[in-house]
Amino acid sequence: MPKHLEHLFAGYPPILSARDVAEVLGLNSKTVYEYLQSGELPAYHIGSKWVIVRDEVVEYISSTSNVADRSTPEVATPSS
């Protein structure tokens, strides 16, 4: 689990409920279910239950970060 996200899921079990995910991410449970059904959030639909693996959600959050990578960006130079 990425260190910068550990605090979000402190105290939560390895398998989360939609309510847990909603609480952690500050979303409505209905929104979480929409994300689950669309495949936006990683999870397994088994029968009528959703199995949401905490570490997979953390990896998903980490992979969708909008924080620029820490490498030096290329600077465009005006053409003459």
C-alpha atoms as a PDB file:
ATOM      1  CA  MET A   1       0.000   0.000   0.000  1.00  0.00           C
ATOM      2  CA  PRO A   2       1.485   3.384  -0.935  1.00  0.00           C
ATOM      3  CA  LYS A   3       2.605   5.223   2.195  1.00  0.00           C
ATOM      4  CA  HIS A   4       0.791   8.442   1.287  1.00  0.00           C
ATOM      5  CA  LEU A   5      -2.558   6.585   1.226  1.00  0.00           C
ATOM      6  CA  GLU A   6      -2.126   4.379   4.307  1.00  0.00           C
ATOM      7  CA  HIS A   7      -3.861   6.865   6.600  1.00  0.00           C
ATOM      8  CA  LEU A   8      -7.047   6.805   4.499  1.00  0.00           C
ATOM      9  CA  PHE A   9      -7.684   3.127   5.156  1.00  0.00           C
ATOM     10  CA  ALA A  10      -6.250   2.830   8.679  1.00  0.00           C
ATOM     11  CA  GLY A  11      -8.569   0.648  10.738  1.00  0.00           C
ATOM     12  CA  TYR A  12     -10.461  -0.779   7.748  1.00  0.00           C
ATOM     13  CA  PRO A  13     -10.481  -4.526   6.993  1.00  0.00           C
ATOM     14  CA  PRO A  14      -8.865  -6.019   3.859  1.00  0.00           C
ATOM     15  CA  ILE A  15     -12.322  -6.492   2.280  1.00  0.00           C
ATOM     16  CA  LEU A  16     -14.381  -3.299   2.172  1.00  0.00           C
ATOM     17  CA  SER A  17     -18.076  -2.615   1.829  1.00  0.00           C
ATOM     18  CA  ALA A  18     -19.441   0.029  -0.513  1.00  0.00           C
ATOM     19  CA  ARG A  19     -20.265   2.028   2.606  1.00  0.00           C
ATOM     20  CA  ASP A  20     -16.607   1.835   3.730  1.00  0.00           C
ATOM     21  CA  VAL A  21     -15.408   3.077   0.343  1.00  0.00           C
ATOM     22  CA  ALA A  22     -17.984   5.881   0.356  1.00  0.00           C
ATOM     23  CA  GLU A  23     -16.886   6.943   3.833  1.00  0.00           C
ATOM     24  CA  VAL A  24     -13.176   6.954   2.992  1.00  0.00           C
ATOM     25  CA  LEU A  25     -13.580   8.776  -0.322  1.00  0.00           C
ATOM     26  CA  GLY A  26     -16.268  11.172   0.890  1.00  0.00           C
ATOM     27  CA  LEU A  27     -18.821   9.900  -1.618  1.00  0.00           C
ATOM     28  CA  ASN A  28     -22.451   8.877  -1.455  1.00  0.00           C
ATOM     29  CA  SER A  29     -22.962   5.081  -1.347  1.00  0.00           C
ATOM     30  CA  LYS A  30     -25.095   5.345  -4.499  1.00  0.00           C
ATOM     31  CA  THR A  31     -22.142   6.917  -6.328  1.00  0.00           C
ATOM     32  CA  VAL A  32     -19.856   4.104  -5.177  1.00  0.00           C
ATOM     33  CA  TYR A  33     -22.334   1.515  -6.504  1.00  0.00           C
ATOM     34  CA  GLU A  34     -22.439   3.358  -9.835  1.00  0.00           C
ATOM     35  CA  TYR A  35     -18.612   3.258  -9.977  1.00  0.00           C
ATOM     36  CA  LEU A  36     -18.663  -0.450  -9.130  1.00  0.00           C
ATOM     37  CA  GLN A  37     -21.263  -1.280 -11.776  1.00  0.00           C
ATOM     38  CA  SER A  38     -19.444   0.717 -14.465  1.00  0.00           C
ATOM     39  CA  GLY A  39     -16.088  -0.845 -13.602  1.00  0.00           C
ATOM     40  CA  GLU A  40     -14.610   2.495 -12.545  1.00  0.00           C
ATOM     41  CA  LEU A  41     -13.678   1.021  -9.146  1.00  0.00           C
ATOM     42  CA  PRO A  42     -12.062  -2.418  -9.013  1.00  0.00           C
ATOM     43  CA  ALA A  43     -14.262  -5.047  -7.370  1.00  0.00           C
ATOM     44  CA  TYR A  44     -15.783  -8.490  -7.827  1.00  0.00           C
ATOM     45  CA  HIS A  45     -19.529  -8.987  -8.190  1.00  0.00           C
ATOM     46  CA  ILE A  46     -20.381 -12.372  -6.719  1.00  0.00           C
ATOM     47  CA  GLY A  47     -24.081 -13.119  -6.690  1.00  0.00           C
ATOM     48  CA  SER A  48     -25.696 -10.053  -5.175  1.00  0.00           C
ATOM     49  CA  LYS A  49     -22.576  -9.001  -3.239  1.00  0.00           C
ATOM     50  CA  TRP A  50     -19.668  -6.756  -4.149  1.00  0.00           C
ATOM     51  CA  VAL A  51     -16.245  -7.830  -2.897  1.00  0.00           C
ATOM     52  CA  ILE A  52     -14.016  -4.763  -2.743  1.00  0.00           C
ATOM     53  CA  VAL A  53     -10.366  -5.470  -1.964  1.00  0.00           C
ATOM     54  CA  ARG A  54      -8.854  -2.582   0.003  1.00  0.00           C
ATOM     55  CA  ASP A  55      -5.393  -2.834  -1.569  1.00  0.00           C
ATOM     56  CA  GLU A  56      -6.862  -2.856  -5.094  1.00  0.00           C
ATOM     57  CA  VAL A  57      -8.822   0.320  -4.341  1.00  0.00           C
ATOM     58  CA  VAL A  58      -5.676   1.953  -2.946  1.00  0.00           C
ATOM     59  CA  GLU A  59      -3.710   0.989  -6.067  1.00  0.00           C
ATOM     60  CA  TYR A  60      -6.514   2.342  -8.248  1.00  0.00           C
ATOM     61  CA  ILE A  61      -6.533   5.650  -6.361  1.00  0.00           C
ATOM     62  CA  SER A  62      -2.762   5.845  -6.618  1.00  0.00           C
ATOM     63  CA  SER A  63      -2.784   5.104 -10.361  1.00  0.00           C
ATOM     64  CA  THR A  64      -5.379   7.781 -11.119  1.00  0.00           C
ATOM     65  CA  SER A  65      -3.603  10.549  -9.232  1.00  0.00           C
ATOM     66  CA  ASN A  66      -3.450  13.872 -11.033  1.00  0.00           C
ATOM     67  CA  VAL A  67      -0.186  14.784  -9.318  1.00  0.00           C
ATOM     68  CA  ALA A  68       2.467  15.427 -11.930  1.00  0.00           C
ATOM     69  CA  ASP A  69       5.366  13.040 -11.916  1.00  0.00           C
ATOM     70  CA  ARG A  70       8.427  14.325 -10.191  1.00  0.00           C
ATOM     71  CA  SER A  71      10.672  14.376 -13.250  1.00  0.00           C
ATOM     72  CA  THR A  72      11.640  17.671 -14.830  1.00  0.00           C
ATOM     73  CA  PRO A  73       9.157  18.574 -17.548  1.00  0.00           C
ATOM     74  CA  GLU A  74      10.332  19.448 -21.017  1.00  0.00           C
ATOM     75  CA  VAL A  75      10.043  23.139 -21.729  1.00  0.00           C
ATOM     76  CA  ALA A  76       8.832  24.089 -25.165  1.00  0.00           C
ATOM     77  CA  THR A  77      11.038  26.587 -26.941  1.00  0.00           C
ATOM     78  CA  PRO A  78       9.546  29.050 -29.384  1.00  0.00           C
ATOM     79  CA  SER A  79      10.373  28.316 -32.995  1.00  0.00           C
ATOM     80  CA  SER A  80      12.217  31.028 -34.879  1.00  0.00           C
END
